[in-house]
Every structure is written in structure tokens, then in C-alpha cells.
Amino acid sequence: MLTEFSRDAVFTVAWFGLMTMVWFGWAQEDPPPRWRIWLGIGSVIGTAIAIGFGVATAANWDSPSALQGRYQWFGVLVAAEVLLAGGGCAWLAKTHRQRWMAWWVGLVVAVHFLPLAWLLDDASIAVIGALELVILVGLHRRLRSDTRTTSAQVGAAMGTSLLAYAVIAGLTVVATG
């Protein structure tokens, strides 16, 4: 974490923990059997991080936030992300390409981290977004030759990257807290 705002730091760790659970959960749609236990373990760890840092967020709620004076832009960013992800998934469904939904949503999430980093005054969020973009572009090449859904590979990749970020950022917050 590169932000000086403790509330934003603990909330980001909590949120990334929750999203770890979500992505590992989505990966469980169609994973290879040997992945199942690891996806479940990742989901549990993400949930524990979300709960622990969610409590820390509540305890730091009165602290300043980088979003002060910019909440409307945060709302615009989140609305754009939801509309783009949902619109893209609707188009994928209409064109019978549902298997690409997880990849598309992952791409939208990774891209949204770039302006989010600016809003939260935390360059580390841009770093994770850029890393996820590289991973997703690399996965796209491999996924084109497959006929299965993209959820297992994308969910595992996104869940792993978000979990790694949450653990590193969480340890940083605890060490500097």
C-alpha cells in the first residue's frame, strides 16, 4: 500500500479479500478437479481477510480518505465499471459467447484499477491492475483454443492476484499501523 490514508488502506485490503473469495468462487464453476481444494482454501482465506480488515475499516471510519471531495467520481467510476461489465456480458450472451464472460469482467476490473489508483492516491492499485491486464492478455491466447468457460482460469488468476495483493498490503498495514 502506498497511501497515507489508513481508512482507505484497510478498506482496500478488506475489499480485495472479499473479491478474492468472489473470483475463486467463480473459478469453481468449471475447474479441473485438482484445483477445487485450492480454490476453496483461497476463498476461505479471502473471506477471513475481508472480515478482519472489514472490522479494521469500521474502527478507522472517521479517519480521512483520499476520496473526500471526489466521492462523485468514485460513483461515476463504479457505475461505468458495472455498465461496461454488464453490457459486455449481455452482448456476449446475445452472440452466444457466454464462455468469455469471466474474461471480460476480469478485463473491466483490471482496467478500472487504473483510475481507481488515482482516486485513492495509491499507485499500488495501478500496479495490480496492470499486472492483471498482462495476465488476462496472456490467458486470452491460451483460452481461444479451448471450448470450456473461461471462469476457471480467469477466476483462479484474478483470485490469486487479489489474494497476493491483500496479503502483502495487509501485512504492510499491520507493520506500519
N, C-alpha and C. Protein backbone atom coordinates (compact mmCIF):
# COMPACT_ATOMS: atom_id res chain seq x y z
N MET A 1 0.84 -1.17 0.00
CA MET A 1 0.00 0.00 0.00
C MET A 1 0.89 1.23 0.00
N LEU A 2 0.53 2.16 -0.84
CA LEU A 2 1.31 3.38 -0.93
C LEU A 2 0.52 4.60 -0.47
N THR A 3 -0.66 4.39 0.06
CA THR A 3 -1.48 5.51 0.50
C THR A 3 -1.18 5.88 1.94
N GLU A 4 -1.38 7.13 2.25
CA GLU A 4 -1.21 7.59 3.62
C GLU A 4 -2.52 7.57 4.39
N PHE A 5 -3.61 7.18 3.72
CA PHE A 5 -4.94 7.19 4.32
C PHE A 5 -5.26 5.82 4.90
N SER A 6 -5.24 5.72 6.24
CA SER A 6 -5.41 4.41 6.88
C SER A 6 -6.77 3.79 6.58
N ARG A 7 -7.81 4.61 6.55
CA ARG A 7 -9.14 4.06 6.25
C ARG A 7 -9.17 3.45 4.86
N ASP A 8 -8.61 4.14 3.89
CA ASP A 8 -8.58 3.61 2.53
C ASP A 8 -7.75 2.34 2.46
N ALA A 9 -6.64 2.32 3.19
CA ALA A 9 -5.76 1.14 3.18
C ALA A 9 -6.46 -0.09 3.71
N VAL A 10 -7.09 0.03 4.88
CA VAL A 10 -7.74 -1.16 5.45
C VAL A 10 -8.98 -1.56 4.65
N PHE A 11 -9.71 -0.56 4.11
CA PHE A 11 -10.87 -0.90 3.29
C PHE A 11 -10.44 -1.63 2.02
N THR A 12 -9.36 -1.16 1.38
CA THR A 12 -8.90 -1.81 0.15
C THR A 12 -8.50 -3.25 0.42
N VAL A 13 -7.80 -3.50 1.53
CA VAL A 13 -7.43 -4.87 1.88
C VAL A 13 -8.70 -5.71 2.11
N ALA A 14 -9.66 -5.15 2.84
CA ALA A 14 -10.91 -5.88 3.09
C ALA A 14 -11.63 -6.19 1.78
N TRP A 15 -11.73 -5.18 0.91
CA TRP A 15 -12.44 -5.36 -0.36
C TRP A 15 -11.74 -6.38 -1.24
N PHE A 16 -10.41 -6.30 -1.32
CA PHE A 16 -9.68 -7.26 -2.14
C PHE A 16 -9.79 -8.66 -1.56
N GLY A 17 -9.89 -8.79 -0.24
CA GLY A 17 -10.15 -10.10 0.37
C GLY A 17 -11.49 -10.64 -0.06
N LEU A 18 -12.52 -9.78 -0.03
CA LEU A 18 -13.85 -10.19 -0.46
C LEU A 18 -13.85 -10.58 -1.94
N MET A 19 -13.19 -9.78 -2.76
CA MET A 19 -13.14 -10.08 -4.20
C MET A 19 -12.30 -11.33 -4.49
N THR A 20 -11.35 -11.63 -3.63
CA THR A 20 -10.61 -12.90 -3.74
C THR A 20 -11.60 -14.06 -3.65
N MET A 21 -12.46 -13.99 -2.64
CA MET A 21 -13.46 -15.04 -2.45
C MET A 21 -14.40 -15.13 -3.65
N VAL A 22 -14.80 -13.97 -4.17
CA VAL A 22 -15.71 -13.94 -5.33
C VAL A 22 -15.07 -14.59 -6.55
N TRP A 23 -13.83 -14.20 -6.85
CA TRP A 23 -13.17 -14.75 -8.05
C TRP A 23 -12.86 -16.23 -7.90
N PHE A 24 -12.38 -16.65 -6.72
CA PHE A 24 -12.16 -18.08 -6.52
C PHE A 24 -13.48 -18.84 -6.58
N GLY A 25 -14.55 -18.21 -6.10
CA GLY A 25 -15.87 -18.83 -6.21
C GLY A 25 -16.30 -19.00 -7.65
N TRP A 26 -16.08 -17.97 -8.47
CA TRP A 26 -16.45 -18.06 -9.89
C TRP A 26 -15.59 -19.13 -10.58
N ALA A 27 -14.34 -19.25 -10.17
CA ALA A 27 -13.46 -20.27 -10.75
C ALA A 27 -13.98 -21.68 -10.48
N GLN A 28 -14.79 -21.82 -9.45
CA GLN A 28 -15.33 -23.14 -9.11
C GLN A 28 -16.48 -23.56 -10.01
N GLU A 29 -16.81 -22.74 -11.00
CA GLU A 29 -17.86 -23.09 -11.96
C GLU A 29 -17.47 -24.33 -12.76
N ASP A 30 -16.22 -24.42 -13.16
CA ASP A 30 -15.81 -25.50 -14.07
C ASP A 30 -14.30 -25.77 -13.97
N PRO A 31 -13.79 -26.00 -12.75
CA PRO A 31 -12.33 -26.16 -12.62
C PRO A 31 -11.89 -27.60 -12.84
N PRO A 32 -10.61 -27.77 -13.14
CA PRO A 32 -10.07 -29.14 -13.11
C PRO A 32 -10.20 -29.67 -11.67
N PRO A 33 -10.48 -30.94 -11.50
CA PRO A 33 -10.70 -31.49 -10.16
C PRO A 33 -9.57 -31.17 -9.16
N ARG A 34 -8.33 -31.18 -9.60
CA ARG A 34 -7.22 -30.96 -8.66
C ARG A 34 -7.16 -29.51 -8.16
N TRP A 35 -7.85 -28.60 -8.81
CA TRP A 35 -7.86 -27.19 -8.38
C TRP A 35 -8.86 -26.94 -7.26
N ARG A 36 -9.87 -27.79 -7.14
CA ARG A 36 -11.02 -27.49 -6.28
C ARG A 36 -10.64 -27.18 -4.84
N ILE A 37 -9.79 -27.97 -4.25
CA ILE A 37 -9.40 -27.73 -2.84
C ILE A 37 -8.68 -26.40 -2.71
N TRP A 38 -7.82 -26.07 -3.67
CA TRP A 38 -7.06 -24.81 -3.60
C TRP A 38 -7.96 -23.60 -3.79
N LEU A 39 -8.95 -23.73 -4.65
CA LEU A 39 -9.91 -22.64 -4.83
C LEU A 39 -10.72 -22.44 -3.55
N GLY A 40 -11.11 -23.53 -2.92
CA GLY A 40 -11.84 -23.43 -1.65
C GLY A 40 -10.99 -22.81 -0.55
N ILE A 41 -9.74 -23.23 -0.46
CA ILE A 41 -8.84 -22.66 0.55
C ILE A 41 -8.65 -21.17 0.29
N GLY A 42 -8.44 -20.80 -0.97
CA GLY A 42 -8.28 -19.39 -1.32
C GLY A 42 -9.51 -18.58 -0.95
N SER A 43 -10.69 -19.14 -1.18
CA SER A 43 -11.94 -18.46 -0.82
C SER A 43 -12.03 -18.22 0.68
N VAL A 44 -11.66 -19.22 1.45
CA VAL A 44 -11.72 -19.09 2.92
C VAL A 44 -10.72 -18.03 3.40
N ILE A 45 -9.51 -18.05 2.86
CA ILE A 45 -8.50 -17.05 3.26
C ILE A 45 -8.98 -15.65 2.88
N GLY A 46 -9.51 -15.50 1.67
CA GLY A 46 -10.04 -14.20 1.25
C GLY A 46 -11.15 -13.71 2.17
N THR A 47 -12.04 -14.62 2.55
CA THR A 47 -13.13 -14.27 3.46
C THR A 47 -12.59 -13.83 4.82
N ALA A 48 -11.61 -14.54 5.34
CA ALA A 48 -11.01 -14.18 6.63
C ALA A 48 -10.37 -12.79 6.57
N ILE A 49 -9.67 -12.51 5.47
CA ILE A 49 -9.06 -11.18 5.30
C ILE A 49 -10.15 -10.12 5.23
N ALA A 50 -11.21 -10.39 4.48
CA ALA A 50 -12.31 -9.44 4.36
C ALA A 50 -12.94 -9.14 5.72
N ILE A 51 -13.14 -10.16 6.53
CA ILE A 51 -13.75 -9.96 7.85
C ILE A 51 -12.80 -9.18 8.76
N GLY A 52 -11.56 -9.61 8.83
CA GLY A 52 -10.59 -8.95 9.72
C GLY A 52 -10.38 -7.49 9.36
N PHE A 53 -10.17 -7.22 8.09
CA PHE A 53 -9.93 -5.84 7.68
C PHE A 53 -11.24 -5.06 7.54
N GLY A 54 -12.36 -5.76 7.44
CA GLY A 54 -13.65 -5.07 7.50
C GLY A 54 -13.88 -4.48 8.88
N VAL A 55 -13.52 -5.23 9.91
CA VAL A 55 -13.60 -4.71 11.28
C VAL A 55 -12.65 -3.52 11.44
N ALA A 56 -11.45 -3.63 10.89
CA ALA A 56 -10.49 -2.52 10.95
C ALA A 56 -11.01 -1.30 10.20
N THR A 57 -11.74 -1.52 9.12
CA THR A 57 -12.34 -0.40 8.38
C THR A 57 -13.34 0.33 9.27
N ALA A 58 -14.19 -0.41 9.96
CA ALA A 58 -15.16 0.21 10.86
C ALA A 58 -14.46 1.00 11.96
N ALA A 59 -13.37 0.47 12.46
CA ALA A 59 -12.63 1.16 13.52
C ALA A 59 -11.93 2.43 13.02
N ASN A 60 -11.67 2.51 11.72
CA ASN A 60 -10.97 3.66 11.13
C ASN A 60 -11.91 4.57 10.34
N TRP A 61 -13.22 4.39 10.48
CA TRP A 61 -14.16 5.07 9.60
C TRP A 61 -14.09 6.59 9.70
N ASP A 62 -13.72 7.12 10.84
CA ASP A 62 -13.66 8.57 11.00
C ASP A 62 -12.33 9.16 10.52
N SER A 63 -11.43 8.33 10.03
CA SER A 63 -10.15 8.80 9.50
C SER A 63 -10.36 9.45 8.14
N PRO A 64 -9.45 10.31 7.73
CA PRO A 64 -9.57 10.93 6.40
C PRO A 64 -9.46 9.89 5.27
N SER A 65 -10.01 10.26 4.11
CA SER A 65 -9.98 9.40 2.93
C SER A 65 -9.53 10.22 1.73
N ALA A 66 -8.81 9.58 0.83
CA ALA A 66 -8.42 10.23 -0.42
C ALA A 66 -9.65 10.57 -1.26
N LEU A 67 -10.76 9.94 -0.98
CA LEU A 67 -11.98 10.17 -1.75
C LEU A 67 -12.73 11.44 -1.33
N GLN A 68 -12.36 12.04 -0.20
CA GLN A 68 -13.06 13.25 0.24
C GLN A 68 -12.98 14.31 -0.86
N GLY A 69 -14.15 14.82 -1.22
CA GLY A 69 -14.24 15.78 -2.30
C GLY A 69 -14.29 15.14 -3.69
N ARG A 70 -14.14 13.80 -3.73
CA ARG A 70 -14.15 13.10 -5.02
C ARG A 70 -15.09 11.91 -5.03
N TYR A 71 -15.98 11.84 -4.07
CA TYR A 71 -16.89 10.70 -3.99
C TYR A 71 -17.71 10.55 -5.26
N GLN A 72 -18.11 11.67 -5.87
CA GLN A 72 -18.92 11.59 -7.08
C GLN A 72 -18.13 10.91 -8.20
N TRP A 73 -16.83 11.14 -8.28
CA TRP A 73 -16.02 10.49 -9.32
C TRP A 73 -15.86 9.00 -9.05
N PHE A 74 -15.80 8.65 -7.77
CA PHE A 74 -15.78 7.24 -7.41
C PHE A 74 -17.08 6.58 -7.87
N GLY A 75 -18.21 7.24 -7.64
CA GLY A 75 -19.51 6.73 -8.09
C GLY A 75 -19.58 6.58 -9.59
N VAL A 76 -19.05 7.57 -10.31
CA VAL A 76 -19.03 7.51 -11.78
C VAL A 76 -18.18 6.32 -12.23
N LEU A 77 -17.02 6.13 -11.61
CA LEU A 77 -16.14 5.02 -11.98
C LEU A 77 -16.82 3.68 -11.74
N VAL A 78 -17.42 3.52 -10.59
CA VAL A 78 -18.09 2.25 -10.27
C VAL A 78 -19.27 2.01 -11.22
N ALA A 79 -20.05 3.06 -11.49
CA ALA A 79 -21.18 2.91 -12.41
C ALA A 79 -20.69 2.52 -13.81
N ALA A 80 -19.62 3.16 -14.26
CA ALA A 80 -19.07 2.83 -15.59
C ALA A 80 -18.59 1.39 -15.62
N GLU A 81 -17.95 0.95 -14.55
CA GLU A 81 -17.46 -0.43 -14.48
C GLU A 81 -18.62 -1.42 -14.56
N VAL A 82 -19.66 -1.17 -13.78
CA VAL A 82 -20.82 -2.08 -13.76
C VAL A 82 -21.51 -2.10 -15.13
N LEU A 83 -21.70 -0.92 -15.72
CA LEU A 83 -22.36 -0.86 -17.03
C LEU A 83 -21.52 -1.54 -18.12
N LEU A 84 -20.22 -1.31 -18.09
CA LEU A 84 -19.35 -1.93 -19.09
C LEU A 84 -19.30 -3.44 -18.93
N ALA A 85 -19.15 -3.90 -17.68
CA ALA A 85 -19.11 -5.35 -17.45
C ALA A 85 -20.45 -5.98 -17.81
N GLY A 86 -21.54 -5.39 -17.33
CA GLY A 86 -22.86 -5.95 -17.61
C GLY A 86 -23.24 -5.87 -19.07
N GLY A 87 -22.95 -4.73 -19.70
CA GLY A 87 -23.24 -4.58 -21.13
C GLY A 87 -22.44 -5.56 -21.97
N GLY A 88 -21.17 -5.73 -21.62
CA GLY A 88 -20.34 -6.69 -22.34
C GLY A 88 -20.84 -8.11 -22.18
N CYS A 89 -21.26 -8.46 -20.96
CA CYS A 89 -21.78 -9.81 -20.73
C CYS A 89 -23.10 -10.02 -21.48
N ALA A 90 -23.93 -8.99 -21.53
CA ALA A 90 -25.18 -9.09 -22.29
C ALA A 90 -24.88 -9.33 -23.77
N TRP A 91 -23.92 -8.60 -24.30
CA TRP A 91 -23.53 -8.77 -25.70
C TRP A 91 -22.95 -10.16 -25.93
N LEU A 92 -22.11 -10.62 -25.00
CA LEU A 92 -21.53 -11.96 -25.14
C LEU A 92 -22.63 -13.02 -25.12
N ALA A 93 -23.63 -12.85 -24.26
CA ALA A 93 -24.74 -13.81 -24.21
C ALA A 93 -25.54 -13.77 -25.51
N LYS A 94 -25.81 -12.57 -25.99
CA LYS A 94 -26.60 -12.42 -27.22
C LYS A 94 -25.90 -13.04 -28.42
N THR A 95 -24.57 -12.99 -28.43
CA THR A 95 -23.79 -13.53 -29.55
C THR A 95 -23.29 -14.95 -29.29
N HIS A 96 -23.85 -15.59 -28.26
CA HIS A 96 -23.54 -16.98 -27.92
C HIS A 96 -22.05 -17.17 -27.59
N ARG A 97 -21.49 -16.23 -26.88
CA ARG A 97 -20.08 -16.31 -26.44
C ARG A 97 -20.00 -16.21 -24.91
N GLN A 98 -20.94 -16.81 -24.23
CA GLN A 98 -21.01 -16.73 -22.77
C GLN A 98 -19.73 -17.19 -22.10
N ARG A 99 -19.03 -18.10 -22.72
CA ARG A 99 -17.82 -18.65 -22.09
C ARG A 99 -16.78 -17.58 -21.82
N TRP A 100 -16.88 -16.43 -22.49
CA TRP A 100 -15.91 -15.34 -22.32
C TRP A 100 -16.30 -14.34 -21.24
N MET A 101 -17.41 -14.56 -20.57
CA MET A 101 -17.88 -13.58 -19.59
C MET A 101 -16.87 -13.32 -18.47
N ALA A 102 -16.31 -14.36 -17.90
CA ALA A 102 -15.35 -14.16 -16.80
C ALA A 102 -14.14 -13.38 -17.29
N TRP A 103 -13.68 -13.70 -18.47
CA TRP A 103 -12.52 -12.97 -19.02
C TRP A 103 -12.87 -11.50 -19.21
N TRP A 104 -14.03 -11.22 -19.77
CA TRP A 104 -14.45 -9.84 -20.00
C TRP A 104 -14.56 -9.06 -18.68
N VAL A 105 -15.22 -9.65 -17.70
CA VAL A 105 -15.37 -8.98 -16.40
C VAL A 105 -14.00 -8.76 -15.77
N GLY A 106 -13.11 -9.73 -15.87
CA GLY A 106 -11.75 -9.56 -15.36
C GLY A 106 -11.04 -8.39 -16.02
N LEU A 107 -11.20 -8.28 -17.33
CA LEU A 107 -10.59 -7.18 -18.07
C LEU A 107 -11.12 -5.84 -17.59
N VAL A 108 -12.44 -5.73 -17.43
CA VAL A 108 -13.04 -4.48 -16.96
C VAL A 108 -12.54 -4.14 -15.55
N VAL A 109 -12.48 -5.12 -14.68
CA VAL A 109 -11.99 -4.90 -13.32
C VAL A 109 -10.54 -4.41 -13.35
N ALA A 110 -9.70 -5.08 -14.12
CA ALA A 110 -8.28 -4.69 -14.18
C ALA A 110 -8.12 -3.27 -14.70
N VAL A 111 -8.86 -2.92 -15.74
CA VAL A 111 -8.77 -1.57 -16.30
C VAL A 111 -9.27 -0.54 -15.30
N HIS A 112 -10.31 -0.85 -14.55
CA HIS A 112 -10.87 0.13 -13.60
C HIS A 112 -9.90 0.42 -12.45
N PHE A 113 -8.94 -0.49 -12.21
CA PHE A 113 -7.95 -0.22 -11.16
C PHE A 113 -7.05 0.97 -11.50
N LEU A 114 -6.90 1.27 -12.78
CA LEU A 114 -6.00 2.37 -13.17
C LEU A 114 -6.53 3.72 -12.69
N PRO A 115 -7.77 4.11 -13.02
CA PRO A 115 -8.26 5.37 -12.45
C PRO A 115 -8.55 5.27 -10.95
N LEU A 116 -8.87 4.08 -10.46
CA LEU A 116 -9.11 3.92 -9.03
C LEU A 116 -7.85 4.25 -8.24
N ALA A 117 -6.69 3.88 -8.78
CA ALA A 117 -5.43 4.19 -8.11
C ALA A 117 -5.28 5.70 -7.93
N TRP A 118 -5.66 6.45 -8.94
CA TRP A 118 -5.59 7.90 -8.85
C TRP A 118 -6.58 8.43 -7.81
N LEU A 119 -7.81 7.92 -7.84
CA LEU A 119 -8.82 8.38 -6.89
C LEU A 119 -8.43 8.08 -5.44
N LEU A 120 -7.83 6.93 -5.22
CA LEU A 120 -7.43 6.53 -3.86
C LEU A 120 -6.02 6.97 -3.51
N ASP A 121 -5.35 7.63 -4.42
CA ASP A 121 -3.99 8.11 -4.19
C ASP A 121 -3.08 6.95 -3.76
N ASP A 122 -3.17 5.85 -4.51
CA ASP A 122 -2.43 4.63 -4.17
C ASP A 122 -1.96 3.94 -5.45
N ALA A 123 -0.73 4.20 -5.83
CA ALA A 123 -0.18 3.66 -7.08
C ALA A 123 -0.12 2.13 -7.09
N SER A 124 -0.10 1.50 -5.91
CA SER A 124 -0.04 0.05 -5.89
C SER A 124 -1.28 -0.58 -6.54
N ILE A 125 -2.39 0.12 -6.51
CA ILE A 125 -3.60 -0.39 -7.15
C ILE A 125 -3.44 -0.39 -8.67
N ALA A 126 -2.75 0.61 -9.20
CA ALA A 126 -2.46 0.62 -10.64
C ALA A 126 -1.53 -0.52 -11.01
N VAL A 127 -0.59 -0.82 -10.14
CA VAL A 127 0.35 -1.92 -10.40
C VAL A 127 -0.41 -3.24 -10.49
N ILE A 128 -1.33 -3.50 -9.56
CA ILE A 128 -2.07 -4.76 -9.62
C ILE A 128 -2.98 -4.79 -10.85
N GLY A 129 -3.55 -3.64 -11.20
CA GLY A 129 -4.37 -3.58 -12.42
C GLY A 129 -3.56 -3.89 -13.66
N ALA A 130 -2.37 -3.30 -13.77
CA ALA A 130 -1.51 -3.55 -14.93
C ALA A 130 -1.07 -5.02 -14.98
N LEU A 131 -0.73 -5.58 -13.82
CA LEU A 131 -0.35 -7.00 -13.76
C LEU A 131 -1.50 -7.88 -14.22
N GLU A 132 -2.70 -7.58 -13.76
CA GLU A 132 -3.85 -8.38 -14.17
C GLU A 132 -4.12 -8.24 -15.67
N LEU A 133 -3.93 -7.06 -16.21
CA LEU A 133 -4.09 -6.90 -17.66
C LEU A 133 -3.12 -7.78 -18.43
N VAL A 134 -1.88 -7.82 -18.00
CA VAL A 134 -0.88 -8.67 -18.65
C VAL A 134 -1.30 -10.13 -18.55
N ILE A 135 -1.74 -10.55 -17.38
CA ILE A 135 -2.17 -11.93 -17.18
C ILE A 135 -3.36 -12.26 -18.09
N LEU A 136 -4.34 -11.37 -18.14
CA LEU A 136 -5.54 -11.62 -18.94
C LEU A 136 -5.24 -11.67 -20.43
N VAL A 137 -4.36 -10.81 -20.90
CA VAL A 137 -3.97 -10.86 -22.32
C VAL A 137 -3.26 -12.18 -22.61
N GLY A 138 -2.39 -12.61 -21.71
CA GLY A 138 -1.72 -13.90 -21.88
C GLY A 138 -2.70 -15.07 -21.86
N LEU A 139 -3.68 -15.01 -20.95
CA LEU A 139 -4.68 -16.07 -20.89
C LEU A 139 -5.55 -16.11 -22.14
N HIS A 140 -5.82 -14.95 -22.72
CA HIS A 140 -6.69 -14.89 -23.90
C HIS A 140 -6.16 -15.77 -25.02
N ARG A 141 -4.87 -15.73 -25.23
CA ARG A 141 -4.26 -16.57 -26.29
C ARG A 141 -4.51 -18.04 -26.03
N ARG A 142 -4.32 -18.46 -24.78
CA ARG A 142 -4.50 -19.86 -24.43
C ARG A 142 -5.98 -20.25 -24.46
N LEU A 143 -6.85 -19.36 -24.02
CA LEU A 143 -8.27 -19.68 -23.93
C LEU A 143 -8.96 -19.77 -25.29
N ARG A 144 -8.40 -19.13 -26.30
CA ARG A 144 -9.02 -19.19 -27.64
C ARG A 144 -9.06 -20.60 -28.18
N SER A 145 -8.10 -21.43 -27.82
CA SER A 145 -8.06 -22.79 -28.35
C SER A 145 -8.85 -23.77 -27.50
N ASP A 146 -9.49 -23.29 -26.45
CA ASP A 146 -10.27 -24.13 -25.55
C ASP A 146 -11.76 -23.90 -25.83
N THR A 147 -12.59 -24.83 -25.44
CA THR A 147 -14.03 -24.66 -25.64
C THR A 147 -14.77 -24.51 -24.31
N ARG A 148 -14.06 -24.67 -23.20
CA ARG A 148 -14.69 -24.56 -21.88
C ARG A 148 -14.88 -23.08 -21.52
N THR A 149 -15.61 -22.86 -20.45
CA THR A 149 -15.76 -21.48 -19.97
C THR A 149 -14.40 -20.95 -19.55
N THR A 150 -14.29 -19.64 -19.50
CA THR A 150 -13.03 -19.02 -19.09
C THR A 150 -12.97 -18.83 -17.58
N SER A 151 -14.04 -19.20 -16.89
CA SER A 151 -14.14 -18.89 -15.47
C SER A 151 -13.08 -19.55 -14.60
N ALA A 152 -12.72 -20.79 -14.86
CA ALA A 152 -11.74 -21.46 -14.00
C ALA A 152 -10.39 -20.76 -14.07
N GLN A 153 -9.89 -20.56 -15.27
CA GLN A 153 -8.56 -19.96 -15.39
C GLN A 153 -8.56 -18.49 -15.01
N VAL A 154 -9.56 -17.74 -15.45
CA VAL A 154 -9.62 -16.32 -15.11
C VAL A 154 -9.89 -16.14 -13.62
N GLY A 155 -10.84 -16.89 -13.09
CA GLY A 155 -11.13 -16.78 -11.66
C GLY A 155 -9.94 -17.13 -10.79
N ALA A 156 -9.21 -18.17 -11.18
CA ALA A 156 -8.01 -18.54 -10.42
C ALA A 156 -6.94 -17.46 -10.52
N ALA A 157 -6.75 -16.90 -11.70
CA ALA A 157 -5.74 -15.86 -11.89
C ALA A 157 -6.11 -14.58 -11.14
N MET A 158 -7.36 -14.14 -11.29
CA MET A 158 -7.78 -12.93 -10.59
C MET A 158 -7.79 -13.14 -9.08
N GLY A 159 -8.30 -14.28 -8.64
CA GLY A 159 -8.31 -14.57 -7.20
C GLY A 159 -6.92 -14.61 -6.61
N THR A 160 -5.99 -15.23 -7.33
CA THR A 160 -4.61 -15.31 -6.83
C THR A 160 -3.96 -13.94 -6.76
N SER A 161 -4.15 -13.13 -7.80
CA SER A 161 -3.52 -11.81 -7.80
C SER A 161 -4.12 -10.92 -6.71
N LEU A 162 -5.43 -10.97 -6.54
CA LEU A 162 -6.07 -10.17 -5.49
C LEU A 162 -5.69 -10.66 -4.10
N LEU A 163 -5.57 -11.98 -3.93
CA LEU A 163 -5.14 -12.52 -2.65
C LEU A 163 -3.71 -12.10 -2.33
N ALA A 164 -2.84 -12.18 -3.31
CA ALA A 164 -1.44 -11.76 -3.09
C ALA A 164 -1.39 -10.29 -2.70
N TYR A 165 -2.15 -9.46 -3.40
CA TYR A 165 -2.19 -8.03 -3.07
C TYR A 165 -2.71 -7.84 -1.65
N ALA A 166 -3.82 -8.50 -1.31
CA ALA A 166 -4.43 -8.34 0.01
C ALA A 166 -3.47 -8.77 1.12
N VAL A 167 -2.76 -9.85 0.91
CA VAL A 167 -1.81 -10.33 1.93
C VAL A 167 -0.65 -9.35 2.09
N ILE A 168 -0.05 -8.94 0.98
CA ILE A 168 1.08 -8.01 1.04
C ILE A 168 0.64 -6.67 1.63
N ALA A 169 -0.48 -6.13 1.14
CA ALA A 169 -0.98 -4.85 1.65
C ALA A 169 -1.40 -4.97 3.11
N GLY A 170 -2.03 -6.08 3.45
CA GLY A 170 -2.44 -6.30 4.84
C GLY A 170 -1.26 -6.36 5.79
N LEU A 171 -0.22 -7.08 5.39
CA LEU A 171 0.99 -7.14 6.22
C LEU A 171 1.64 -5.76 6.33
N THR A 172 1.61 -4.99 5.25
CA THR A 172 2.16 -3.65 5.27
C THR A 172 1.37 -2.76 6.23
N VAL A 173 0.04 -2.85 6.17
CA VAL A 173 -0.80 -2.05 7.06
C VAL A 173 -0.53 -2.43 8.52
N VAL A 174 -0.45 -3.70 8.80
CA VAL A 174 -0.20 -4.15 10.18
C VAL A 174 1.19 -3.70 10.65
N ALA A 175 2.17 -3.83 9.76
CA ALA A 175 3.55 -3.46 10.14
C ALA A 175 3.72 -1.96 10.38
N THR A 176 2.96 -1.15 9.65
CA THR A 176 3.11 0.29 9.78
C THR A 176 2.04 0.92 10.68
N GLY A 177 1.07 0.08 11.09
CA GLY A 177 -0.10 0.56 11.83
C GLY A 177 0.15 1.00 13.20
